[in-house]
Amino acid sequence: MTKTATATTRKSNARRVLRDRTRSNRASARLTRRGVGSLATHVMAAGATRKEASTVASSLRKSVAKLAIVGTVGRTYSEHKSPTVTRYTTAQVAAAAKLYRPRKAEYKAIAARIINRAFGA
C-alpha cells in the first residue's frame, strides 16, 4: 500500500515541477518577446510558483509606489473579462526588487534572480 502511495506522490511531484518549469519558461519567453510584463510575470520568469509570484508581486507593488515608477497601462482579455493591468520593463522591476527586503529565504532568492535577469549577471 505504501509503495503505491509513494509512487503516486513522486509522479505528482514530478508533474508539479514540470508545470512550474513550463510556467517559468513561458513567462521568460513572453518578457523577451514583448519587453514588458506584469509584476507577477517577472516573478514567475524568475522561477517562482504561482502562489509565490502573487505574494512577491504584491510586495513589489509597494516598492513600485515608493519609487514612483510608472508602468504602461493596458488591458488583458481572458475569460470574458478585460481587467486593467500595468506592465513594467525588466529594469523597472529590478529597481523595485532592489528596494524590496523580504524575510523568507525563498523570496530573497527570487529578488536576486530578478535583479540578475535585468543586469545580465
PDB file of N, CA and C in Angstrom:
ATOM      1  N   MET A   1       0.815  -1.185   0.000  1.00  0.00           N
ATOM      2  CA  MET A   1       0.000   0.000   0.000  1.00  0.00           C
ATOM      3  C   MET A   1       0.863   1.254   0.000  1.00  0.00           C
ATOM      4  N   THR A   2       1.883   1.302   0.830  1.00  0.00           N
ATOM      5  CA  THR A   2       2.728   2.487   0.894  1.00  0.00           C
ATOM      6  C   THR A   2       3.593   2.634  -0.357  1.00  0.00           C
ATOM      7  N   LYS A   3       3.914   1.497  -0.975  1.00  0.00           N
ATOM      8  CA  LYS A   3       4.722   1.570  -2.185  1.00  0.00           C
ATOM      9  C   LYS A   3       3.959   2.299  -3.290  1.00  0.00           C
ATOM     10  N   THR A   4       2.691   2.033  -3.435  1.00  0.00           N
ATOM     11  CA  THR A   4       1.861   2.706  -4.433  1.00  0.00           C
ATOM     12  C   THR A   4       1.684   4.182  -4.089  1.00  0.00           C
ATOM     13  N   ALA A   5       1.504   4.474  -2.813  1.00  0.00           N
ATOM     14  CA  ALA A   5       1.309   5.857  -2.387  1.00  0.00           C
ATOM     15  C   ALA A   5       2.550   6.690  -2.676  1.00  0.00           C
ATOM     16  N   THR A   6       3.737   6.138  -2.433  1.00  0.00           N
ATOM     17  CA  THR A   6       4.955   6.901  -2.693  1.00  0.00           C
ATOM     18  C   THR A   6       5.190   7.074  -4.186  1.00  0.00           C
ATOM     19  N   ALA A   7       4.838   6.068  -4.981  1.00  0.00           N
ATOM     20  CA  ALA A   7       4.977   6.190  -6.428  1.00  0.00           C
ATOM     21  C   ALA A   7       4.039   7.269  -6.953  1.00  0.00           C
ATOM     22  N   THR A   8       2.824   7.316  -6.434  1.00  0.00           N
ATOM     23  CA  THR A   8       1.870   8.339  -6.838  1.00  0.00           C
ATOM     24  C   THR A   8       2.352   9.718  -6.418  1.00  0.00           C
ATOM     25  N   THR A   9       2.902   9.807  -5.217  1.00  0.00           N
ATOM     26  CA  THR A   9       3.423  11.081  -4.730  1.00  0.00           C
ATOM     27  C   THR A   9       4.574  11.563  -5.593  1.00  0.00           C
ATOM     28  N   ARG A  10       5.465  10.651  -5.966  1.00  0.00           N
ATOM     29  CA  ARG A  10       6.582  11.019  -6.828  1.00  0.00           C
ATOM     30  C   ARG A  10       6.104  11.526  -8.184  1.00  0.00           C
ATOM     31  N   LYS A  11       5.090  10.868  -8.736  1.00  0.00           N
ATOM     32  CA  LYS A  11       4.555  11.293 -10.025  1.00  0.00           C
ATOM     33  C   LYS A  11       3.933  12.674  -9.928  1.00  0.00           C
ATOM     34  N   SER A  12       3.165  12.917  -8.855  1.00  0.00           N
ATOM     35  CA  SER A  12       2.526  14.220  -8.719  1.00  0.00           C
ATOM     36  C   SER A  12       3.566  15.315  -8.475  1.00  0.00           C
ATOM     37  N   ASN A  13       4.628  15.002  -7.730  1.00  0.00           N
ATOM     38  CA  ASN A  13       5.702  15.977  -7.534  1.00  0.00           C
ATOM     39  C   ASN A  13       6.409  16.276  -8.843  1.00  0.00           C
ATOM     40  N   ALA A  14       6.641  15.246  -9.647  1.00  0.00           N
ATOM     41  CA  ALA A  14       7.290  15.440 -10.938  1.00  0.00           C
ATOM     42  C   ALA A  14       6.422  16.297 -11.853  1.00  0.00           C
ATOM     43  N   ARG A  15       5.114  16.065 -11.828  1.00  0.00           N
ATOM     44  CA  ARG A  15       4.205  16.880 -12.640  1.00  0.00           C
ATOM     45  C   ARG A  15       4.213  18.338 -12.189  1.00  0.00           C
ATOM     46  N   ARG A  16       4.239  18.540 -10.873  1.00  0.00           N
ATOM     47  CA  ARG A  16       4.257  19.900 -10.334  1.00  0.00           C
ATOM     48  C   ARG A  16       5.535  20.633 -10.746  1.00  0.00           C
ATOM     49  N   VAL A  17       6.670  19.951 -10.645  1.00  0.00           N
ATOM     50  CA  VAL A  17       7.946  20.556 -11.042  1.00  0.00           C
ATOM     51  C   VAL A  17       7.925  20.902 -12.525  1.00  0.00           C
ATOM     52  N   LEU A  18       7.403  20.004 -13.336  1.00  0.00           N
ATOM     53  CA  LEU A  18       7.325  20.243 -14.767  1.00  0.00           C
ATOM     54  C   LEU A  18       6.406  21.417 -15.084  1.00  0.00           C
ATOM     55  N   ARG A  19       5.258  21.521 -14.396  1.00  0.00           N
ATOM     56  CA  ARG A  19       4.344  22.662 -14.578  1.00  0.00           C
ATOM     57  C   ARG A  19       5.017  23.975 -14.206  1.00  0.00           C
ATOM     58  N   ASP A  20       5.746  23.972 -13.094  1.00  0.00           N
ATOM     59  CA  ASP A  20       6.410  25.197 -12.652  1.00  0.00           C
ATOM     60  C   ASP A  20       7.503  25.620 -13.629  1.00  0.00           C
ATOM     61  N   ARG A  21       8.267  24.666 -14.122  1.00  0.00           N
ATOM     62  CA  ARG A  21       9.316  24.990 -15.102  1.00  0.00           C
ATOM     63  C   ARG A  21       8.713  25.513 -16.395  1.00  0.00           C
ATOM     64  N   THR A  22       7.634  24.893 -16.842  1.00  0.00           N
ATOM     65  CA  THR A  22       6.969  25.336 -18.061  1.00  0.00           C
ATOM     66  C   THR A  22       6.450  26.750 -17.901  1.00  0.00           C
ATOM     67  N   ARG A  23       5.814  27.033 -16.766  1.00  0.00           N
ATOM     68  CA  ARG A  23       5.282  28.378 -16.495  1.00  0.00           C
ATOM     69  C   ARG A  23       6.407  29.399 -16.479  1.00  0.00           C
ATOM     70  N   SER A  24       7.531  29.054 -15.863  1.00  0.00           N
ATOM     71  CA  SER A  24       8.675  29.955 -15.783  1.00  0.00           C
ATOM     72  C   SER A  24       9.265  30.226 -17.166  1.00  0.00           C
ATOM     73  N   ASN A  25       9.423  29.175 -17.965  1.00  0.00           N
ATOM     74  CA  ASN A  25       9.982  29.344 -19.310  1.00  0.00           C
ATOM     75  C   ASN A  25       9.067  30.163 -20.200  1.00  0.00           C
ATOM     76  N   ARG A  26       7.766  29.946 -20.102  1.00  0.00           N
ATOM     77  CA  ARG A  26       6.826  30.726 -20.918  1.00  0.00           C
ATOM     78  C   ARG A  26       6.821  32.187 -20.514  1.00  0.00           C
ATOM     79  N   ALA A  27       6.887  32.460 -19.211  1.00  0.00           N
ATOM     80  CA  ALA A  27       6.936  33.844 -18.744  1.00  0.00           C
ATOM     81  C   ALA A  27       8.212  34.527 -19.211  1.00  0.00           C
ATOM     82  N   SER A  28       9.318  33.817 -19.150  1.00  0.00           N
ATOM     83  CA  SER A  28      10.589  34.367 -19.600  1.00  0.00           C
ATOM     84  C   SER A  28      10.570  34.668 -21.093  1.00  0.00           C
ATOM     85  N   ALA A  29      10.027  33.752 -21.880  1.00  0.00           N
ATOM     86  CA  ALA A  29       9.939  33.959 -23.330  1.00  0.00           C
ATOM     87  C   ALA A  29       9.026  35.133 -23.661  1.00  0.00           C
ATOM     88  N   ARG A  30       7.923  35.269 -22.925  1.00  0.00           N
ATOM     89  CA  ARG A  30       6.996  36.369 -23.145  1.00  0.00           C
ATOM     90  C   ARG A  30       7.673  37.711 -22.865  1.00  0.00           C
ATOM     91  N   LEU A  31       8.465  37.776 -21.799  1.00  0.00           N
ATOM     92  CA  LEU A  31       9.176  39.008 -21.472  1.00  0.00           C
ATOM     93  C   LEU A  31      10.226  39.332 -22.526  1.00  0.00           C
ATOM     94  N   THR A  32      10.905  38.320 -23.016  1.00  0.00           N
ATOM     95  CA  THR A  32      11.907  38.537 -24.053  1.00  0.00           C
ATOM     96  C   THR A  32      11.253  39.042 -25.337  1.00  0.00           C
ATOM     97  N   ARG A  33      10.098  38.488 -25.678  1.00  0.00           N
ATOM     98  CA  ARG A  33       9.392  38.870 -26.888  1.00  0.00           C
ATOM     99  C   ARG A  33       8.812  40.271 -26.805  1.00  0.00           C
ATOM    100  N   ARG A  34       8.112  40.568 -25.732  1.00  0.00           N
ATOM    101  CA  ARG A  34       7.370  41.820 -25.632  1.00  0.00           C
ATOM    102  C   ARG A  34       8.147  42.952 -24.973  1.00  0.00           C
ATOM    103  N   GLY A  35       9.065  42.622 -24.075  1.00  0.00           N
ATOM    104  CA  GLY A  35       9.829  43.651 -23.384  1.00  0.00           C
ATOM    105  C   GLY A  35       9.183  44.155 -22.110  1.00  0.00           C
ATOM    106  N   VAL A  36       7.884  43.966 -21.961  1.00  0.00           N
ATOM    107  CA  VAL A  36       7.182  44.397 -20.751  1.00  0.00           C
ATOM    108  C   VAL A  36       6.287  43.266 -20.261  1.00  0.00           C
ATOM    109  N   GLY A  37       5.970  43.310 -18.959  1.00  0.00           N
ATOM    110  CA  GLY A  37       5.088  42.304 -18.387  1.00  0.00           C
ATOM    111  C   GLY A  37       4.628  42.758 -17.020  1.00  0.00           C
ATOM    112  N   SER A  38       3.626  42.094 -16.500  1.00  0.00           N
ATOM    113  CA  SER A  38       3.140  42.424 -15.159  1.00  0.00           C
ATOM    114  C   SER A  38       4.195  42.006 -14.141  1.00  0.00           C
ATOM    115  N   LEU A  39       4.037  42.488 -12.923  1.00  0.00           N
ATOM    116  CA  LEU A  39       4.990  42.119 -11.875  1.00  0.00           C
ATOM    117  C   LEU A  39       4.989  40.616 -11.644  1.00  0.00           C
ATOM    118  N   ALA A  40       3.811  40.008 -11.674  1.00  0.00           N
ATOM    119  CA  ALA A  40       3.722  38.568 -11.468  1.00  0.00           C
ATOM    120  C   ALA A  40       4.438  37.805 -12.579  1.00  0.00           C
ATOM    121  N   THR A  41       4.380  38.304 -13.804  1.00  0.00           N
ATOM    122  CA  THR A  41       5.073  37.655 -14.913  1.00  0.00           C
ATOM    123  C   THR A  41       6.579  37.698 -14.702  1.00  0.00           C
ATOM    124  N   HIS A  42       7.091  38.839 -14.253  1.00  0.00           N
ATOM    125  CA  HIS A  42       8.524  38.958 -13.979  1.00  0.00           C
ATOM    126  C   HIS A  42       8.947  38.008 -12.860  1.00  0.00           C
ATOM    127  N   VAL A  43       8.113  37.883 -11.849  1.00  0.00           N
ATOM    128  CA  VAL A  43       8.444  36.999 -10.729  1.00  0.00           C
ATOM    129  C   VAL A  43       8.386  35.536 -11.164  1.00  0.00           C
ATOM    130  N   MET A  44       7.395  35.175 -11.979  1.00  0.00           N
ATOM    131  CA  MET A  44       7.313  33.797 -12.480  1.00  0.00           C
ATOM    132  C   MET A  44       8.494  33.476 -13.390  1.00  0.00           C
ATOM    133  N   ALA A  45       8.957  34.464 -14.148  1.00  0.00           N
ATOM    134  CA  ALA A  45      10.119  34.248 -15.007  1.00  0.00           C
ATOM    135  C   ALA A  45      11.378  34.014 -14.178  1.00  0.00           C
ATOM    136  N   ALA A  46      11.363  34.486 -12.936  1.00  0.00           N
ATOM    137  CA  ALA A  46      12.488  34.256 -12.028  1.00  0.00           C
ATOM    138  C   ALA A  46      12.422  32.882 -11.375  1.00  0.00           C
ATOM    139  N   GLY A  47      11.368  32.123 -11.672  1.00  0.00           N
ATOM    140  CA  GLY A  47      11.289  30.744 -11.191  1.00  0.00           C
ATOM    141  C   GLY A  47      10.381  30.516 -10.005  1.00  0.00           C
ATOM    142  N   ALA A  48       9.489  31.439  -9.726  1.00  0.00           N
ATOM    143  CA  ALA A  48       8.581  31.279  -8.589  1.00  0.00           C
ATOM    144  C   ALA A  48       7.343  30.498  -8.993  1.00  0.00           C
ATOM    145  N   THR A  49       6.707  29.871  -8.021  1.00  0.00           N
ATOM    146  CA  THR A  49       5.428  29.230  -8.268  1.00  0.00           C
ATOM    147  C   THR A  49       4.350  30.312  -8.343  1.00  0.00           C
ATOM    148  N   ARG A  50       3.142  29.905  -8.680  1.00  0.00           N
ATOM    149  CA  ARG A  50       2.059  30.882  -8.838  1.00  0.00           C
ATOM    150  C   ARG A  50       1.745  31.591  -7.519  1.00  0.00           C
ATOM    151  N   LYS A  51       1.720  30.831  -6.430  1.00  0.00           N
ATOM    152  CA  LYS A  51       1.432  31.423  -5.114  1.00  0.00           C
ATOM    153  C   LYS A  51       2.550  32.370  -4.681  1.00  0.00           C
ATOM    154  N   GLU A  52       3.796  31.946  -4.843  1.00  0.00           N
ATOM    155  CA  GLU A  52       4.927  32.813  -4.508  1.00  0.00           C
ATOM    156  C   GLU A  52       4.930  34.064  -5.377  1.00  0.00           C
ATOM    157  N   ALA A  53       4.571  33.901  -6.646  1.00  0.00           N
ATOM    158  CA  ALA A  53       4.559  35.045  -7.559  1.00  0.00           C
ATOM    159  C   ALA A  53       3.544  36.091  -7.126  1.00  0.00           C
ATOM    160  N   SER A  54       2.369  35.660  -6.702  1.00  0.00           N
ATOM    161  CA  SER A  54       1.366  36.631  -6.272  1.00  0.00           C
ATOM    162  C   SER A  54       1.792  37.331  -4.992  1.00  0.00           C
ATOM    163  N   THR A  55       2.445  36.604  -4.089  1.00  0.00           N
ATOM    164  CA  THR A  55       2.913  37.192  -2.836  1.00  0.00           C
ATOM    165  C   THR A  55       4.020  38.212  -3.076  1.00  0.00           C
ATOM    166  N   VAL A  56       5.008  37.830  -3.860  1.00  0.00           N
ATOM    167  CA  VAL A  56       6.135  38.727  -4.127  1.00  0.00           C
ATOM    168  C   VAL A  56       5.673  39.915  -4.971  1.00  0.00           C
ATOM    169  N   ALA A  57       4.793  39.681  -5.929  1.00  0.00           N
ATOM    170  CA  ALA A  57       4.307  40.774  -6.780  1.00  0.00           C
ATOM    171  C   ALA A  57       3.547  41.809  -5.969  1.00  0.00           C
ATOM    172  N   SER A  58       2.755  41.372  -5.000  1.00  0.00           N
ATOM    173  CA  SER A  58       2.029  42.338  -4.181  1.00  0.00           C
ATOM    174  C   SER A  58       2.988  43.155  -3.334  1.00  0.00           C
ATOM    175  N   SER A  59       4.068  42.557  -2.875  1.00  0.00           N
ATOM    176  CA  SER A  59       5.076  43.307  -2.125  1.00  0.00           C
ATOM    177  C   SER A  59       5.854  44.246  -3.043  1.00  0.00           C
ATOM    178  N   LEU A  60       6.120  43.801  -4.265  1.00  0.00           N
ATOM    179  CA  LEU A  60       6.830  44.665  -5.215  1.00  0.00           C
ATOM    180  C   LEU A  60       5.989  45.877  -5.607  1.00  0.00           C
ATOM    181  N   ARG A  61       4.668  45.741  -5.588  1.00  0.00           N
ATOM    182  CA  ARG A  61       3.804  46.879  -5.895  1.00  0.00           C
ATOM    183  C   ARG A  61       4.031  48.026  -4.919  1.00  0.00           C
ATOM    184  N   LYS A  62       4.298  47.687  -3.658  1.00  0.00           N
ATOM    185  CA  LYS A  62       4.598  48.708  -2.658  1.00  0.00           C
ATOM    186  C   LYS A  62       5.918  49.396  -2.979  1.00  0.00           C
ATOM    187  N   SER A  63       6.908  48.636  -3.417  1.00  0.00           N
ATOM    188  CA  SER A  63       8.194  49.216  -3.795  1.00  0.00           C
ATOM    189  C   SER A  63       8.054  50.096  -5.022  1.00  0.00           C
ATOM    190  N   VAL A  64       7.231  49.669  -5.978  1.00  0.00           N
ATOM    191  CA  VAL A  64       6.989  50.472  -7.185  1.00  0.00           C
ATOM    192  C   VAL A  64       6.346  51.795  -6.820  1.00  0.00           C
ATOM    193  N   ALA A  65       5.410  51.771  -5.877  1.00  0.00           N
ATOM    194  CA  ALA A  65       4.751  53.001  -5.446  1.00  0.00           C
ATOM    195  C   ALA A  65       5.734  53.933  -4.736  1.00  0.00           C
ATOM    196  N   LYS A  66       6.614  53.387  -3.912  1.00  0.00           N
ATOM    197  CA  LYS A  66       7.608  54.205  -3.206  1.00  0.00           C
ATOM    198  C   LYS A  66       8.567  54.874  -4.184  1.00  0.00           C
ATOM    199  N   LEU A  67       8.946  54.150  -5.229  1.00  0.00           N
ATOM    200  CA  LEU A  67       9.875  54.699  -6.226  1.00  0.00           C
ATOM    201  C   LEU A  67       9.173  55.546  -7.279  1.00  0.00           C
ATOM    202  N   ALA A  68       7.860  55.605  -7.236  1.00  0.00           N
ATOM    203  CA  ALA A  68       7.042  56.346  -8.203  1.00  0.00           C
ATOM    204  C   ALA A  68       7.333  55.902  -9.635  1.00  0.00           C
ATOM    205  N   ILE A  69       7.454  54.599  -9.825  1.00  0.00           N
ATOM    206  CA  ILE A  69       7.664  54.031 -11.157  1.00  0.00           C
ATOM    207  C   ILE A  69       6.318  53.944 -11.847  1.00  0.00           C
ATOM    208  N   VAL A  70       6.264  54.439 -13.069  1.00  0.00           N
ATOM    209  CA  VAL A  70       5.018  54.409 -13.843  1.00  0.00           C
ATOM    210  C   VAL A  70       5.185  53.399 -14.963  1.00  0.00           C
ATOM    211  N   GLY A  71       4.368  52.379 -14.942  1.00  0.00           N
ATOM    212  CA  GLY A  71       4.413  51.375 -15.993  1.00  0.00           C
ATOM    213  C   GLY A  71       3.438  51.715 -17.106  1.00  0.00           C
ATOM    214  N   THR A  72       3.375  50.841 -18.071  1.00  0.00           N
ATOM    215  CA  THR A  72       2.452  51.007 -19.184  1.00  0.00           C
ATOM    216  C   THR A  72       1.108  50.390 -18.799  1.00  0.00           C
ATOM    217  N   VAL A  73       0.065  51.181 -18.886  1.00  0.00           N
ATOM    218  CA  VAL A  73      -1.269  50.688 -18.547  1.00  0.00           C
ATOM    219  C   VAL A  73      -1.878  50.046 -19.781  1.00  0.00           C
ATOM    220  N   GLY A  74      -2.491  48.898 -19.585  1.00  0.00           N
ATOM    221  CA  GLY A  74      -3.115  48.196 -20.702  1.00  0.00           C
ATOM    222  C   GLY A  74      -4.254  47.328 -20.218  1.00  0.00           C
ATOM    223  N   ARG A  75      -4.786  46.550 -21.130  1.00  0.00           N
ATOM    224  CA  ARG A  75      -5.862  45.621 -20.795  1.00  0.00           C
ATOM    225  C   ARG A  75      -5.455  44.223 -21.209  1.00  0.00           C
ATOM    226  N   THR A  76      -5.968  43.256 -20.483  1.00  0.00           N
ATOM    227  CA  THR A  76      -5.771  41.863 -20.849  1.00  0.00           C
ATOM    228  C   THR A  76      -7.144  41.260 -21.094  1.00  0.00           C
ATOM    229  N   TYR A  77      -7.231  40.399 -22.072  1.00  0.00           N
ATOM    230  CA  TYR A  77      -8.529  39.833 -22.448  1.00  0.00           C
ATOM    231  C   TYR A  77      -8.498  38.330 -22.244  1.00  0.00           C
ATOM    232  N   SER A  78      -9.221  37.862 -21.231  1.00  0.00           N
ATOM    233  CA  SER A  78      -9.313  36.427 -20.993  1.00  0.00           C
ATOM    234  C   SER A  78     -10.603  36.128 -20.251  1.00  0.00           C
ATOM    235  N   GLU A  79     -11.225  35.063 -20.630  1.00  0.00           N
ATOM    236  CA  GLU A  79     -12.430  34.561 -19.972  1.00  0.00           C
ATOM    237  C   GLU A  79     -13.518  35.628 -19.852  1.00  0.00           C
ATOM    238  N   HIS A  80     -13.779  36.357 -20.907  1.00  0.00           N
ATOM    239  CA  HIS A  80     -14.844  37.351 -20.979  1.00  0.00           C
ATOM    240  C   HIS A  80     -14.667  38.492 -19.988  1.00  0.00           C
ATOM    241  N   LYS A  81     -13.441  38.727 -19.581  1.00  0.00           N
ATOM    242  CA  LYS A  81     -13.131  39.842 -18.695  1.00  0.00           C
ATOM    243  C   LYS A  81     -12.054  40.680 -19.373  1.00  0.00           C
ATOM    244  N   SER A  82     -11.958  41.938 -18.994  1.00  0.00           N
ATOM    245  CA  SER A  82     -10.868  42.754 -19.511  1.00  0.00           C
ATOM    246  C   SER A  82     -10.368  43.698 -18.418  1.00  0.00           C
ATOM    247  N   PRO A  83      -9.673  43.149 -17.417  1.00  0.00           N
ATOM    248  CA  PRO A  83      -9.170  43.994 -16.343  1.00  0.00           C
ATOM    249  C   PRO A  83      -8.014  44.875 -16.808  1.00  0.00           C
ATOM    250  N   THR A  84      -7.871  46.010 -16.168  1.00  0.00           N
ATOM    251  CA  THR A  84      -6.761  46.906 -16.452  1.00  0.00           C
ATOM    252  C   THR A  84      -5.518  46.373 -15.742  1.00  0.00           C
ATOM    253  N   VAL A  85      -4.411  46.311 -16.458  1.00  0.00           N
ATOM    254  CA  VAL A  85      -3.160  45.826 -15.896  1.00  0.00           C
ATOM    255  C   VAL A  85      -2.069  46.859 -16.131  1.00  0.00           C
ATOM    256  N   THR A  86      -1.046  46.809 -15.322  1.00  0.00           N
ATOM    257  CA  THR A  86       0.114  47.673 -15.503  1.00  0.00           C
ATOM    258  C   THR A  86       1.300  46.790 -15.812  1.00  0.00           C
ATOM    259  N   ARG A  87       1.982  47.097 -16.893  1.00  0.00           N
ATOM    260  CA  ARG A  87       3.140  46.304 -17.318  1.00  0.00           C
ATOM    261  C   ARG A  87       4.411  47.126 -17.126  1.00  0.00           C
ATOM    262  N   TYR A  88       5.466  46.441 -16.707  1.00  0.00           N
ATOM    263  CA  TYR A  88       6.725  47.098 -16.391  1.00  0.00           C
ATOM    264  C   TYR A  88       7.858  46.461 -17.191  1.00  0.00           C
ATOM    265  N   THR A  89       8.910  47.243 -17.449  1.00  0.00           N
ATOM    266  CA  THR A  89      10.091  46.701 -18.103  1.00  0.00           C
ATOM    267  C   THR A  89      10.914  45.944 -17.067  1.00  0.00           C
ATOM    268  N   THR A  90      11.880  45.192 -17.539  1.00  0.00           N
ATOM    269  CA  THR A  90      12.726  44.416 -16.643  1.00  0.00           C
ATOM    270  C   THR A  90      13.553  45.324 -15.744  1.00  0.00           C
ATOM    271  N   ALA A  91      14.028  46.445 -16.273  1.00  0.00           N
ATOM    272  CA  ALA A  91      14.814  47.379 -15.471  1.00  0.00           C
ATOM    273  C   ALA A  91      13.970  48.021 -14.363  1.00  0.00           C
ATOM    274  N   GLN A  92      12.719  48.348 -14.668  1.00  0.00           N
ATOM    275  CA  GLN A  92      11.837  48.922 -13.649  1.00  0.00           C
ATOM    276  C   GLN A  92      11.581  47.937 -12.523  1.00  0.00           C
ATOM    277  N   VAL A  93      11.361  46.683 -12.863  1.00  0.00           N
ATOM    278  CA  VAL A  93      11.104  45.659 -11.849  1.00  0.00           C
ATOM    279  C   VAL A  93      12.371  45.402 -11.028  1.00  0.00           C
ATOM    280  N   ALA A  94      13.530  45.446 -11.671  1.00  0.00           N
ATOM    281  CA  ALA A  94      14.791  45.256 -10.943  1.00  0.00           C
ATOM    282  C   ALA A  94      15.009  46.381  -9.936  1.00  0.00           C
ATOM    283  N   ALA A  95      14.656  47.609 -10.306  1.00  0.00           N
ATOM    284  CA  ALA A  95      14.775  48.730  -9.366  1.00  0.00           C
ATOM    285  C   ALA A  95      13.864  48.525  -8.160  1.00  0.00           C
ATOM    286  N   ALA A  96      12.669  48.037  -8.397  1.00  0.00           N
ATOM    287  CA  ALA A  96      11.747  47.747  -7.294  1.00  0.00           C
ATOM    288  C   ALA A  96      12.255  46.577  -6.454  1.00  0.00           C
ATOM    289  N   ALA A  97      12.877  45.597  -7.092  1.00  0.00           N
ATOM    290  CA  ALA A  97      13.404  44.436  -6.366  1.00  0.00           C
ATOM    291  C   ALA A  97      14.583  44.822  -5.479  1.00  0.00           C
ATOM    292  N   LYS A  98      15.339  45.849  -5.870  1.00  0.00           N
ATOM    293  CA  LYS A  98      16.442  46.315  -5.019  1.00  0.00           C
ATOM    294  C   LYS A  98      15.914  46.904  -3.719  1.00  0.00           C
ATOM    295  N   LEU A  99      14.785  47.590  -3.797  1.00  0.00           N
ATOM    296  CA  LEU A  99      14.178  48.189  -2.612  1.00  0.00           C
ATOM    297  C   LEU A  99      13.448  47.151  -1.758  1.00  0.00           C
ATOM    298  N   TYR A 100      13.003  46.059  -2.371  1.00  0.00           N
ATOM    299  CA  TYR A 100      12.239  45.000  -1.712  1.00  0.00           C
ATOM    300  C   TYR A 100      13.142  44.241  -0.749  1.00  0.00           C
ATOM    301  N   ARG A 101      12.730  44.141   0.508  1.00  0.00           N
ATOM    302  CA  ARG A 101      13.512  43.446   1.530  1.00  0.00           C
ATOM    303  C   ARG A 101      12.688  42.319   2.171  1.00  0.00           C
ATOM    304  N   PRO A 102      12.655  41.148   1.531  1.00  0.00           N
ATOM    305  CA  PRO A 102      11.858  40.045   2.082  1.00  0.00           C
ATOM    306  C   PRO A 102      12.553  39.391   3.276  1.00  0.00           C
ATOM    307  N   ARG A 103      11.786  38.653   4.042  1.00  0.00           N
ATOM    308  CA  ARG A 103      12.332  37.928   5.191  1.00  0.00           C
ATOM    309  C   ARG A 103      12.632  36.478   4.847  1.00  0.00           C
ATOM    310  N   LYS A 104      11.750  35.858   4.058  1.00  0.00           N
ATOM    311  CA  LYS A 104      11.933  34.444   3.722  1.00  0.00           C
ATOM    312  C   LYS A 104      13.088  34.270   2.741  1.00  0.00           C
ATOM    313  N   ALA A 105      13.830  33.193   2.920  1.00  0.00           N
ATOM    314  CA  ALA A 105      14.984  32.915   2.056  1.00  0.00           C
ATOM    315  C   ALA A 105      14.565  32.702   0.600  1.00  0.00           C
ATOM    316  N   GLU A 106      13.408  32.060   0.381  1.00  0.00           N
ATOM    317  CA  GLU A 106      12.946  31.817  -0.991  1.00  0.00           C
ATOM    318  C   GLU A 106      12.671  33.135  -1.705  1.00  0.00           C
ATOM    319  N   TYR A 107      12.060  34.071  -0.991  1.00  0.00           N
ATOM    320  CA  TYR A 107      11.729  35.359  -1.600  1.00  0.00           C
ATOM    321  C   TYR A 107      12.982  36.195  -1.839  1.00  0.00           C
ATOM    322  N   LYS A 108      13.993  36.053  -0.963  1.00  0.00           N
ATOM    323  CA  LYS A 108      15.267  36.737  -1.185  1.00  0.00           C
ATOM    324  C   LYS A 108      15.930  36.219  -2.454  1.00  0.00           C
ATOM    325  N   ALA A 109      15.860  34.913  -2.663  1.00  0.00           N
ATOM    326  CA  ALA A 109      16.444  34.313  -3.867  1.00  0.00           C
ATOM    327  C   ALA A 109      15.709  34.778  -5.120  1.00  0.00           C
ATOM    328  N   ILE A 110      14.394  34.899  -5.036  1.00  0.00           N
ATOM    329  CA  ILE A 110      13.614  35.373  -6.176  1.00  0.00           C
ATOM    330  C   ILE A 110      13.993  36.809  -6.516  1.00  0.00           C
ATOM    331  N   ALA A 111      14.119  37.662  -5.493  1.00  0.00           N
ATOM    332  CA  ALA A 111      14.507  39.062  -5.727  1.00  0.00           C
ATOM    333  C   ALA A 111      15.889  39.136  -6.367  1.00  0.00           C
ATOM    334  N   ALA A 112      16.815  38.303  -5.916  1.00  0.00           N
ATOM    335  CA  ALA A 112      18.155  38.281  -6.503  1.00  0.00           C
ATOM    336  C   ALA A 112      18.109  37.837  -7.958  1.00  0.00           C
ATOM    337  N   ARG A 113      17.266  36.845  -8.272  1.00  0.00           N
ATOM    338  CA  ARG A 113      17.157  36.389  -9.667  1.00  0.00           C
ATOM    339  C   ARG A 113      16.546  37.454 -10.566  1.00  0.00           C
ATOM    340  N   ILE A 114      15.606  38.229 -10.029  1.00  0.00           N
ATOM    341  CA  ILE A 114      15.018  39.327 -10.818  1.00  0.00           C
ATOM    342  C   ILE A 114      16.086  40.360 -11.149  1.00  0.00           C
ATOM    343  N   ILE A 115      16.895  40.714 -10.168  1.00  0.00           N
ATOM    344  CA  ILE A 115      17.966  41.698 -10.387  1.00  0.00           C
ATOM    345  C   ILE A 115      19.001  41.157 -11.363  1.00  0.00           C
ATOM    346  N   ASN A 116      19.390  39.885 -11.202  1.00  0.00           N
ATOM    347  CA  ASN A 116      20.366  39.282 -12.113  1.00  0.00           C
ATOM    348  C   ASN A 116      19.843  39.204 -13.540  1.00  0.00           C
ATOM    349  N   ARG A 117      18.559  38.932 -13.682  1.00  0.00           N
ATOM    350  CA  ARG A 117      17.969  38.854 -15.021  1.00  0.00           C
ATOM    351  C   ARG A 117      18.028  40.207 -15.718  1.00  0.00           C
ATOM    352  N   ALA A 118      17.833  41.273 -14.953  1.00  0.00           N
ATOM    353  CA  ALA A 118      17.816  42.617 -15.548  1.00  0.00           C
ATOM    354  C   ALA A 118      19.208  43.073 -15.965  1.00  0.00           C
ATOM    355  N   PHE A 119      20.207  42.743 -15.164  1.00  0.00           N
ATOM    356  CA  PHE A 119      21.547  43.256 -15.433  1.00  0.00           C
ATOM    357  C   PHE A 119      22.481  42.208 -16.017  1.00  0.00           C
ATOM    358  N   GLY A 120      21.938  41.044 -16.341  1.00  0.00           N
ATOM    359  CA  GLY A 120      22.718  40.033 -17.053  1.00  0.00           C
ATOM    360  C   GLY A 120      23.876  39.460 -16.281  1.00  0.00           C
ATOM    361  N   ALA A 121      23.808  39.468 -14.974  1.00  0.00           N
ATOM    362  CA  ALA A 121      24.927  38.968 -14.174  1.00  0.00           C
ATOM    363  C   ALA A 121      24.862  37.470 -14.000  1.00  0.00           C
TER     364      ALA A 121
END
